[in-house]
């Protein structure tokens, strides 16, 4: 089985949800023309990243009666969509969120678990922390969503892997920081290295879509990537510009890689649980 994937590294307008929705619908239309089965947007793609005091005014709920999501849910009749937004729960807590939409329905919503509040980042002041990491079933197999800082920690992708995710969909709003000796951004080098490592260690597809553009002094670098279960890079978007990057995932590669390298078969989850309990009881 093969899946056509589209990565939409866009530059959202800060706080302008309506304009960003129109851009999403345009990229969805372009992806449909490319015969995409799934399109992935970056972190907070409907709102922009540095929302701060705008959080409550840009929040939307992924429901058919929502004035923004009704259009994106309708668009998901033709291809699956991963979209980034500010989610509001029934007690009016606000989360950095990604939703997986398919066939006009919400299959899964992930709330960002790790909120960086250091250096350039101030997320913990404005958002609630997510408290779950779950895989979910799609028409392409089992998948998982993570958002930016989530995949800088080893445990979230590991939990997705144990929960059955064969396709890990990562979205981010990663600003450019530092230069390596090869004149590549340090932040880009780090994320690309981590994505490749997760694909290799978990013998899974790892997809990463980062935003672009300038916002409040931050420059987001884009550079979307797709790595296969061998850790091989099969697609990469450009740096610093909006783009729709296409990739074809041969899902049969999961079987071929795991037959050769049975890391999933040999994973000792009960040992991990026992040692975590021992460490936490200290």
C-alpha atoms as a PDB file:
ATOM      1  CA  UNK A   1       0.000   0.000   0.000  1.00  0.00           C
ATOM      2  CA  UNK A   2       1.250   3.477  -0.863  1.00  0.00           C
ATOM      3  CA  UNK A   3       0.201   6.837   0.532  1.00  0.00           C
ATOM      4  CA  UNK A   4       0.710  10.219  -1.101  1.00  0.00           C
ATOM      5  CA  UNK A   5       1.658  12.786   1.511  1.00  0.00           C
ATOM      6  CA  UNK A   6       1.690  16.590   1.232  1.00  0.00           C
ATOM      7  CA  UNK A   7       3.596  18.808   3.683  1.00  0.00           C
ATOM      8  CA  UNK A   8       2.364  22.413   3.748  1.00  0.00           C
ATOM      9  CA  UNK A   9       5.039  24.621   5.297  1.00  0.00           C
ATOM     10  CA  UNK A  10       3.105  27.878   5.356  1.00  0.00           C
ATOM     11  CA  UNK A  11       3.539  31.328   6.919  1.00  0.00           C
ATOM     12  CA  UNK A  12       0.349  31.998   8.911  1.00  0.00           C
ATOM     13  CA  UNK A  13      -0.790  35.532   9.706  1.00  0.00           C
ATOM     14  CA  UNK A  14      -0.644  36.119  13.430  1.00  0.00           C
ATOM     15  CA  UNK A  15      -4.142  36.191  14.895  1.00  0.00           C
ATOM     16  CA  UNK A  16      -5.958  36.212  11.542  1.00  0.00           C
ATOM     17  CA  UNK A  17      -7.740  32.865  11.687  1.00  0.00           C
ATOM     18  CA  UNK A  18     -10.029  33.609   8.744  1.00  0.00           C
ATOM     19  CA  UNK A  19      -7.142  34.455   6.400  1.00  0.00           C
ATOM     20  CA  UNK A  20      -5.215  31.417   7.598  1.00  0.00           C
ATOM     21  CA  UNK A  21      -8.247  29.211   6.980  1.00  0.00           C
ATOM     22  CA  UNK A  22      -8.390  30.483   3.393  1.00  0.00           C
ATOM     23  CA  UNK A  23      -4.710  29.621   2.971  1.00  0.00           C
ATOM     24  CA  UNK A  24      -5.355  26.138   4.333  1.00  0.00           C
ATOM     25  CA  UNK A  25      -8.176  25.598   1.862  1.00  0.00           C
ATOM     26  CA  UNK A  26      -5.935  26.794  -0.980  1.00  0.00           C
ATOM     27  CA  UNK A  27      -3.145  24.380  -0.018  1.00  0.00           C
ATOM     28  CA  UNK A  28      -5.668  21.583   0.405  1.00  0.00           C
ATOM     29  CA  UNK A  29      -6.918  22.259  -3.121  1.00  0.00           C
ATOM     30  CA  UNK A  30      -3.339  22.193  -4.439  1.00  0.00           C
ATOM     31  CA  UNK A  31      -2.648  18.948  -2.577  1.00  0.00           C
ATOM     32  CA  UNK A  32      -5.788  17.376  -4.001  1.00  0.00           C
ATOM     33  CA  UNK A  33      -4.583  18.214  -7.525  1.00  0.00           C
ATOM     34  CA  UNK A  34      -1.350  16.379  -6.662  1.00  0.00           C
ATOM     35  CA  UNK A  35      -3.499  13.381  -5.629  1.00  0.00           C
ATOM     36  CA  UNK A  36      -2.468  13.641  -1.986  1.00  0.00           C
ATOM     37  CA  UNK A  37      -4.080  11.294   0.523  1.00  0.00           C
ATOM     38  CA  UNK A  38      -2.975  13.340   3.549  1.00  0.00           C
ATOM     39  CA  UNK A  39      -1.834  16.930   4.051  1.00  0.00           C
ATOM     40  CA  UNK A  40       0.043  18.013   7.185  1.00  0.00           C
ATOM     41  CA  UNK A  41       0.174  21.632   8.377  1.00  0.00           C
ATOM     42  CA  UNK A  42       2.568  23.083  11.000  1.00  0.00           C
ATOM     43  CA  UNK A  43       2.043  23.880  14.669  1.00  0.00           C
ATOM     44  CA  UNK A  44      -0.600  26.572  15.260  1.00  0.00           C
ATOM     45  CA  UNK A  45      -1.107  26.857  11.520  1.00  0.00           C
ATOM     46  CA  UNK A  46      -4.546  28.482  11.942  1.00  0.00           C
ATOM     47  CA  UNK A  47      -3.409  31.173  14.389  1.00  0.00           C
ATOM     48  CA  UNK A  48       0.265  31.977  14.132  1.00  0.00           C
ATOM     49  CA  UNK A  49       2.697  31.163  16.916  1.00  0.00           C
ATOM     50  CA  UNK A  50       3.215  34.194  19.205  1.00  0.00           C
ATOM     51  CA  UNK A  51      -0.466  34.519  20.094  1.00  0.00           C
ATOM     52  CA  UNK A  52       0.087  35.302  23.789  1.00  0.00           C
ATOM     53  CA  UNK A  53      -2.833  37.499  24.952  1.00  0.00           C
ATOM     54  CA  UNK A  54      -4.768  36.643  21.781  1.00  0.00           C
ATOM     55  CA  UNK A  55      -5.175  33.026  22.896  1.00  0.00           C
ATOM     56  CA  UNK A  56      -8.846  33.237  23.888  1.00  0.00           C
ATOM     57  CA  UNK A  57      -9.857  35.190  20.783  1.00  0.00           C
ATOM     58  CA  UNK A  58      -8.223  32.775  18.289  1.00  0.00           C
ATOM     59  CA  UNK A  59      -9.373  29.522  19.935  1.00  0.00           C
ATOM     60  CA  UNK A  60     -11.681  27.221  17.970  1.00  0.00           C
ATOM     61  CA  UNK A  61     -13.173  23.817  18.598  1.00  0.00           C
ATOM     62  CA  UNK A  62     -12.893  21.065  15.957  1.00  0.00           C
ATOM     63  CA  UNK A  63     -16.624  20.629  15.433  1.00  0.00           C
ATOM     64  CA  UNK A  64     -19.025  20.934  12.517  1.00  0.00           C
ATOM     65  CA  UNK A  65     -20.730  23.971  14.072  1.00  0.00           C
ATOM     66  CA  UNK A  66     -17.467  25.905  14.462  1.00  0.00           C
ATOM     67  CA  UNK A  67     -17.243  28.812  11.962  1.00  0.00           C
ATOM     68  CA  UNK A  68     -13.692  27.835  10.939  1.00  0.00           C
ATOM     69  CA  UNK A  69     -13.572  24.069  11.338  1.00  0.00           C
ATOM     70  CA  UNK A  70     -16.759  23.516   9.358  1.00  0.00           C
ATOM     71  CA  UNK A  71     -14.828  24.418   6.195  1.00  0.00           C
ATOM     72  CA  UNK A  72     -11.776  22.314   7.013  1.00  0.00           C
ATOM     73  CA  UNK A  73     -13.901  19.342   8.057  1.00  0.00           C
ATOM     74  CA  UNK A  74     -15.769  19.607   4.767  1.00  0.00           C
ATOM     75  CA  UNK A  75     -12.443  19.675   2.897  1.00  0.00           C
ATOM     76  CA  UNK A  76     -11.396  16.486   4.720  1.00  0.00           C
ATOM     77  CA  UNK A  77     -14.027  14.560   2.742  1.00  0.00           C
ATOM     78  CA  UNK A  78     -11.488  14.379  -0.092  1.00  0.00           C
ATOM     79  CA  UNK A  79      -8.214  13.916   1.772  1.00  0.00           C
ATOM     80  CA  UNK A  80      -7.066  13.573   5.376  1.00  0.00           C
ATOM     81  CA  UNK A  81      -5.816  16.725   7.109  1.00  0.00           C
ATOM     82  CA  UNK A  82      -3.575  17.477  10.092  1.00  0.00           C
ATOM     83  CA  UNK A  83      -4.138  21.064  11.250  1.00  0.00           C
ATOM     84  CA  UNK A  84      -2.640  23.119  14.081  1.00  0.00           C
ATOM     85  CA  UNK A  85      -4.838  25.363  16.232  1.00  0.00           C
ATOM     86  CA  UNK A  86      -5.649  26.667  19.705  1.00  0.00           C
ATOM     87  CA  UNK A  87      -8.145  24.304  21.331  1.00  0.00           C
ATOM     88  CA  UNK A  88     -10.500  25.293  24.140  1.00  0.00           C
ATOM     89  CA  UNK A  89     -12.009  22.706  26.448  1.00  0.00           C
ATOM     90  CA  UNK A  90     -15.401  22.884  28.171  1.00  0.00           C
ATOM     91  CA  UNK A  91     -13.833  24.514  31.236  1.00  0.00           C
ATOM     92  CA  UNK A  92     -12.153  27.188  29.080  1.00  0.00           C
ATOM     93  CA  UNK A  93      -8.603  25.983  29.268  1.00  0.00           C
ATOM     94  CA  UNK A  94      -6.571  26.613  26.138  1.00  0.00           C
ATOM     95  CA  UNK A  95      -4.158  24.192  24.494  1.00  0.00           C
ATOM     96  CA  UNK A  96      -1.707  24.147  21.607  1.00  0.00           C
ATOM     97  CA  UNK A  97      -3.319  21.391  19.573  1.00  0.00           C
ATOM     98  CA  UNK A  98      -3.191  19.348  16.384  1.00  0.00           C
ATOM     99  CA  UNK A  99      -6.228  17.585  14.949  1.00  0.00           C
ATOM    100  CA  UNK A 100      -6.385  14.717  12.455  1.00  0.00           C
ATOM    101  CA  UNK A 101      -9.454  15.061  10.238  1.00  0.00           C
ATOM    102  CA  UNK A 102     -10.758  12.436   7.822  1.00  0.00           C
ATOM    103  CA  UNK A 103     -14.005  11.955   5.929  1.00  0.00           C
ATOM    104  CA  UNK A 104     -15.561  14.986   7.589  1.00  0.00           C
ATOM    105  CA  UNK A 105     -14.806  13.685  11.089  1.00  0.00           C
ATOM    106  CA  UNK A 106     -12.238  14.357  13.821  1.00  0.00           C
ATOM    107  CA  UNK A 107     -10.261  11.167  14.370  1.00  0.00           C
ATOM    108  CA  UNK A 108      -7.922  12.510  17.033  1.00  0.00           C
ATOM    109  CA  UNK A 109      -6.841  15.695  18.823  1.00  0.00           C
ATOM    110  CA  UNK A 110      -3.449  15.983  20.501  1.00  0.00           C
ATOM    111  CA  UNK A 111      -2.734  18.646  23.114  1.00  0.00           C
ATOM    112  CA  UNK A 112       0.921  19.658  23.344  1.00  0.00           C
ATOM    113  CA  UNK A 113       2.410  17.979  26.395  1.00  0.00           C
ATOM    114  CA  UNK A 114       5.687  19.884  26.762  1.00  0.00           C
ATOM    115  CA  UNK A 115       5.385  23.688  26.791  1.00  0.00           C
ATOM    116  CA  UNK A 116       8.803  25.370  26.523  1.00  0.00           C
ATOM    117  CA  UNK A 117       9.062  28.373  28.809  1.00  0.00           C
ATOM    118  CA  UNK A 118      12.711  29.311  28.447  1.00  0.00           C
ATOM    119  CA  UNK A 119      14.915  31.271  26.053  1.00  0.00           C
ATOM    120  CA  UNK A 120      12.737  32.493  23.183  1.00  0.00           C
ATOM    121  CA  UNK A 121       9.675  30.637  24.409  1.00  0.00           C
ATOM    122  CA  UNK A 122       6.876  31.627  26.771  1.00  0.00           C
ATOM    123  CA  UNK A 123       4.207  28.978  26.189  1.00  0.00           C
ATOM    124  CA  UNK A 124       3.660  28.001  29.819  1.00  0.00           C
ATOM    125  CA  UNK A 125       2.292  31.470  30.607  1.00  0.00           C
ATOM    126  CA  UNK A 126      -0.563  31.217  28.116  1.00  0.00           C
ATOM    127  CA  UNK A 127      -1.441  27.549  27.596  1.00  0.00           C
ATOM    128  CA  UNK A 128      -2.480  24.519  29.611  1.00  0.00           C
ATOM    129  CA  UNK A 129      -0.346  21.382  29.472  1.00  0.00           C
ATOM    130  CA  UNK A 130      -1.657  18.362  27.595  1.00  0.00           C
ATOM    131  CA  UNK A 131      -1.788  15.160  29.628  1.00  0.00           C
ATOM    132  CA  UNK A 132      -2.094  12.318  27.102  1.00  0.00           C
ATOM    133  CA  UNK A 133      -0.038  10.715  24.342  1.00  0.00           C
ATOM    134  CA  UNK A 134      -2.140   8.331  22.264  1.00  0.00           C
ATOM    135  CA  UNK A 135      -1.939   6.644  18.892  1.00  0.00           C
ATOM    136  CA  UNK A 136      -5.068   6.307  16.759  1.00  0.00           C
ATOM    137  CA  UNK A 137      -6.324   4.403  13.735  1.00  0.00           C
ATOM    138  CA  UNK A 138      -6.478   5.920  10.245  1.00  0.00           C
ATOM    139  CA  UNK A 139      -7.273   4.435   6.845  1.00  0.00           C
ATOM    140  CA  UNK A 140      -3.503   4.124   6.329  1.00  0.00           C
ATOM    141  CA  UNK A 141      -2.807   2.331   9.592  1.00  0.00           C
ATOM    142  CA  UNK A 142      -2.100   3.520  13.099  1.00  0.00           C
ATOM    143  CA  UNK A 143      -0.611   7.002  13.531  1.00  0.00           C
ATOM    144  CA  UNK A 144       0.417   9.468  16.219  1.00  0.00           C
ATOM    145  CA  UNK A 145       0.674  13.255  16.541  1.00  0.00           C
ATOM    146  CA  UNK A 146       3.303  15.263  18.407  1.00  0.00           C
ATOM    147  CA  UNK A 147       3.965  19.003  18.503  1.00  0.00           C
ATOM    148  CA  UNK A 148       7.447  20.564  18.505  1.00  0.00           C
ATOM    149  CA  UNK A 149       8.877  20.306  22.047  1.00  0.00           C
ATOM    150  CA  UNK A 150       7.045  16.988  22.469  1.00  0.00           C
ATOM    151  CA  UNK A 151       9.498  15.267  20.144  1.00  0.00           C
ATOM    152  CA  UNK A 152      12.554  16.852  21.747  1.00  0.00           C
ATOM    153  CA  UNK A 153      11.834  14.456  24.620  1.00  0.00           C
ATOM    154  CA  UNK A 154      12.405  10.733  24.127  1.00  0.00           C
ATOM    155  CA  UNK A 155       9.290   9.481  25.914  1.00  0.00           C
ATOM    156  CA  UNK A 156       6.464  10.793  23.638  1.00  0.00           C
ATOM    157  CA  UNK A 157       7.596   9.069  20.414  1.00  0.00           C
ATOM    158  CA  UNK A 158       8.460   5.968  22.437  1.00  0.00           C
ATOM    159  CA  UNK A 159       4.935   5.899  23.870  1.00  0.00           C
ATOM    160  CA  UNK A 160       3.418   6.366  20.420  1.00  0.00           C
ATOM    161  CA  UNK A 161       5.533   3.457  19.155  1.00  0.00           C
ATOM    162  CA  UNK A 162       4.394   1.185  21.988  1.00  0.00           C
ATOM    163  CA  UNK A 163       0.808   2.268  21.349  1.00  0.00           C
ATOM    164  CA  UNK A 164       1.040   1.051  17.760  1.00  0.00           C
ATOM    165  CA  UNK A 165       1.932   4.132  15.731  1.00  0.00           C
ATOM    166  CA  UNK A 166       3.704   3.237  12.476  1.00  0.00           C
ATOM    167  CA  UNK A 167       3.377   6.787  11.104  1.00  0.00           C
ATOM    168  CA  UNK A 168       4.522   9.597  13.405  1.00  0.00           C
ATOM    169  CA  UNK A 169       3.305  13.035  12.343  1.00  0.00           C
ATOM    170  CA  UNK A 170       5.281  15.870  13.932  1.00  0.00           C
ATOM    171  CA  UNK A 171       4.398  19.546  13.487  1.00  0.00           C
ATOM    172  CA  UNK A 172       6.350  22.527  14.714  1.00  0.00           C
ATOM    173  CA  UNK A 173       6.862  26.273  14.766  1.00  0.00           C
ATOM    174  CA  UNK A 174      10.640  26.085  15.123  1.00  0.00           C
ATOM    175  CA  UNK A 175      12.499  29.388  14.839  1.00  0.00           C
ATOM    176  CA  UNK A 176      16.004  29.590  13.451  1.00  0.00           C
ATOM    177  CA  UNK A 177      18.764  29.599  16.062  1.00  0.00           C
ATOM    178  CA  UNK A 178      22.534  29.280  15.707  1.00  0.00           C
ATOM    179  CA  UNK A 179      24.726  28.278  12.784  1.00  0.00           C
ATOM    180  CA  UNK A 180      26.732  25.080  12.403  1.00  0.00           C
ATOM    181  CA  UNK A 181      30.146  24.939  10.799  1.00  0.00           C
ATOM    182  CA  UNK A 182      28.388  23.982   7.562  1.00  0.00           C
ATOM    183  CA  UNK A 183      26.254  27.138   7.613  1.00  0.00           C
ATOM    184  CA  UNK A 184      23.104  25.195   8.456  1.00  0.00           C
ATOM    185  CA  UNK A 185      20.926  26.453  11.262  1.00  0.00           C
ATOM    186  CA  UNK A 186      21.638  24.626  14.500  1.00  0.00           C
ATOM    187  CA  UNK A 187      17.905  24.248  15.154  1.00  0.00           C
ATOM    188  CA  UNK A 188      17.360  22.688  11.707  1.00  0.00           C
ATOM    189  CA  UNK A 189      20.323  20.337  12.120  1.00  0.00           C
ATOM    190  CA  UNK A 190      19.039  19.189  15.514  1.00  0.00           C
ATOM    191  CA  UNK A 191      15.449  18.532  14.408  1.00  0.00           C
ATOM    192  CA  UNK A 192      16.578  16.694  11.268  1.00  0.00           C
ATOM    193  CA  UNK A 193      18.946  14.524  13.290  1.00  0.00           C
ATOM    194  CA  UNK A 194      16.272  13.678  15.859  1.00  0.00           C
ATOM    195  CA  UNK A 195      13.692  12.825  13.159  1.00  0.00           C
ATOM    196  CA  UNK A 196      16.135  10.498  11.428  1.00  0.00           C
ATOM    197  CA  UNK A 197      17.031   8.855  14.738  1.00  0.00           C
ATOM    198  CA  UNK A 198      13.392   8.216  15.671  1.00  0.00           C
ATOM    199  CA  UNK A 199      12.643   6.714  12.262  1.00  0.00           C
ATOM    200  CA  UNK A 200      15.638   4.395  12.659  1.00  0.00           C
ATOM    201  CA  UNK A 201      15.078   3.406  16.293  1.00  0.00           C
ATOM    202  CA  UNK A 202      11.337   2.893  15.979  1.00  0.00           C
ATOM    203  CA  UNK A 203      11.441   1.490  12.415  1.00  0.00           C
ATOM    204  CA  UNK A 204       8.556   3.826  11.575  1.00  0.00           C
ATOM    205  CA  UNK A 205       7.751   6.646   9.178  1.00  0.00           C
ATOM    206  CA  UNK A 206       8.557  10.011  10.746  1.00  0.00           C
ATOM    207  CA  UNK A 207       7.020  13.091   9.149  1.00  0.00           C
ATOM    208  CA  UNK A 208       7.907  16.635  10.226  1.00  0.00           C
ATOM    209  CA  UNK A 209       6.257  19.858   9.004  1.00  0.00           C
ATOM    210  CA  UNK A 210       7.638  23.184  10.228  1.00  0.00           C
ATOM    211  CA  UNK A 211       6.288  26.642   9.453  1.00  0.00           C
ATOM    212  CA  UNK A 212       8.063  29.539   7.730  1.00  0.00           C
ATOM    213  CA  UNK A 213       7.898  33.337   7.841  1.00  0.00           C
ATOM    214  CA  UNK A 214       8.698  36.093  10.346  1.00  0.00           C
ATOM    215  CA  UNK A 215       6.741  36.779  13.507  1.00  0.00           C
ATOM    216  CA  UNK A 216       7.595  39.015  16.445  1.00  0.00           C
ATOM    217  CA  UNK A 217      11.312  38.901  15.627  1.00  0.00           C
ATOM    218  CA  UNK A 218      11.367  35.119  15.032  1.00  0.00           C
ATOM    219  CA  UNK A 219      12.326  33.606  11.669  1.00  0.00           C
ATOM    220  CA  UNK A 220      10.878  30.133  11.083  1.00  0.00           C
ATOM    221  CA  UNK A 221      12.934  27.903   8.801  1.00  0.00           C
ATOM    222  CA  UNK A 222      10.551  25.350   7.238  1.00  0.00           C
ATOM    223  CA  UNK A 223      12.547  22.414   5.877  1.00  0.00           C
ATOM    224  CA  UNK A 224       9.810  19.755   6.099  1.00  0.00           C
ATOM    225  CA  UNK A 225      11.123  16.169   6.074  1.00  0.00           C
ATOM    226  CA  UNK A 226       9.944  12.598   5.676  1.00  0.00           C
ATOM    227  CA  UNK A 227      12.090   9.669   6.853  1.00  0.00           C
ATOM    228  CA  UNK A 228      11.247   6.026   6.150  1.00  0.00           C
ATOM    229  CA  UNK A 229      11.549   3.097   8.634  1.00  0.00           C
ATOM    230  CA  UNK A 230      15.194   2.663   7.610  1.00  0.00           C
ATOM    231  CA  UNK A 231      15.895   6.244   8.666  1.00  0.00           C
ATOM    232  CA  UNK A 232      16.376   7.275   5.032  1.00  0.00           C
ATOM    233  CA  UNK A 233      15.310  10.762   3.995  1.00  0.00           C
ATOM    234  CA  UNK A 234      12.740  10.432   1.217  1.00  0.00           C
ATOM    235  CA  UNK A 235      11.571  14.050   0.907  1.00  0.00           C
ATOM    236  CA  UNK A 236      12.595  17.495   2.125  1.00  0.00           C
ATOM    237  CA  UNK A 237      11.066  20.937   1.689  1.00  0.00           C
ATOM    238  CA  UNK A 238      13.078  24.130   1.135  1.00  0.00           C
ATOM    239  CA  UNK A 239      14.259  26.391   3.916  1.00  0.00           C
ATOM    240  CA  UNK A 240      12.630  29.775   4.643  1.00  0.00           C
ATOM    241  CA  UNK A 241       9.896  29.758   1.989  1.00  0.00           C
ATOM    242  CA  UNK A 242       6.342  28.545   1.695  1.00  0.00           C
ATOM    243  CA  UNK A 243       6.089  25.243  -0.138  1.00  0.00           C
ATOM    244  CA  UNK A 244       3.969  22.174  -0.695  1.00  0.00           C
ATOM    245  CA  UNK A 245       6.311  19.184  -0.544  1.00  0.00           C
ATOM    246  CA  UNK A 246       5.067  15.842  -1.841  1.00  0.00           C
ATOM    247  CA  UNK A 247       6.255  12.396  -0.760  1.00  0.00           C
ATOM    248  CA  UNK A 248       5.064   8.872  -1.428  1.00  0.00           C
ATOM    249  CA  UNK A 249       5.150   6.482   1.519  1.00  0.00           C
ATOM    250  CA  UNK A 250       5.469   2.812   0.651  1.00  0.00           C
ATOM    251  CA  UNK A 251       3.771   1.351   3.726  1.00  0.00           C
ATOM    252  CA  UNK A 252       5.086  -2.111   2.844  1.00  0.00           C
ATOM    253  CA  UNK A 253       8.492  -0.808   3.908  1.00  0.00           C
ATOM    254  CA  UNK A 254       7.386  -1.315   7.510  1.00  0.00           C
ATOM    255  CA  UNK A 255       7.265  -5.082   6.960  1.00  0.00           C
ATOM    256  CA  UNK A 256      10.538  -5.226   5.056  1.00  0.00           C
ATOM    257  CA  UNK A 257      12.432  -3.204   7.670  1.00  0.00           C
ATOM    258  CA  UNK A 258      11.019  -5.031  10.689  1.00  0.00           C
ATOM    259  CA  UNK A 259      11.678  -8.430   9.185  1.00  0.00           C
ATOM    260  CA  UNK A 260      15.321  -7.428   8.900  1.00  0.00           C
ATOM    261  CA  UNK A 261      15.535  -5.468  12.145  1.00  0.00           C
ATOM    262  CA  UNK A 262      13.029  -6.751  14.760  1.00  0.00           C
ATOM    263  CA  UNK A 263      13.483  -3.964  17.316  1.00  0.00           C
ATOM    264  CA  UNK A 264       9.743  -3.746  17.938  1.00  0.00           C
ATOM    265  CA  UNK A 265       9.450  -7.499  18.458  1.00  0.00           C
ATOM    266  CA  UNK A 266      12.273  -7.522  21.000  1.00  0.00           C
ATOM    267  CA  UNK A 267      11.289  -4.405  22.973  1.00  0.00           C
ATOM    268  CA  UNK A 268      10.962  -5.349  26.681  1.00  0.00           C
ATOM    269  CA  UNK A 269       8.147  -3.084  27.809  1.00  0.00           C
ATOM    270  CA  UNK A 270       7.608  -4.825  31.160  1.00  0.00           C
ATOM    271  CA  UNK A 271      11.264  -4.259  32.006  1.00  0.00           C
ATOM    272  CA  UNK A 272      10.844  -0.577  31.124  1.00  0.00           C
ATOM    273  CA  UNK A 273       7.774  -0.332  33.348  1.00  0.00           C
ATOM    274  CA  UNK A 274       9.472  -2.039  36.265  1.00  0.00           C
ATOM    275  CA  UNK A 275      12.528   0.199  36.073  1.00  0.00           C
ATOM    276  CA  UNK A 276      10.430   3.369  35.751  1.00  0.00           C
ATOM    277  CA  UNK A 277       8.483   2.370  38.859  1.00  0.00           C
ATOM    278  CA  UNK A 278      11.747   1.752  40.707  1.00  0.00           C
ATOM    279  CA  UNK A 279      13.131   5.155  39.666  1.00  0.00           C
ATOM    280  CA  UNK A 280       9.926   7.007  40.564  1.00  0.00           C
ATOM    281  CA  UNK A 281       9.794   5.362  43.995  1.00  0.00           C
ATOM    282  CA  UNK A 282      13.214   6.636  45.000  1.00  0.00           C
END
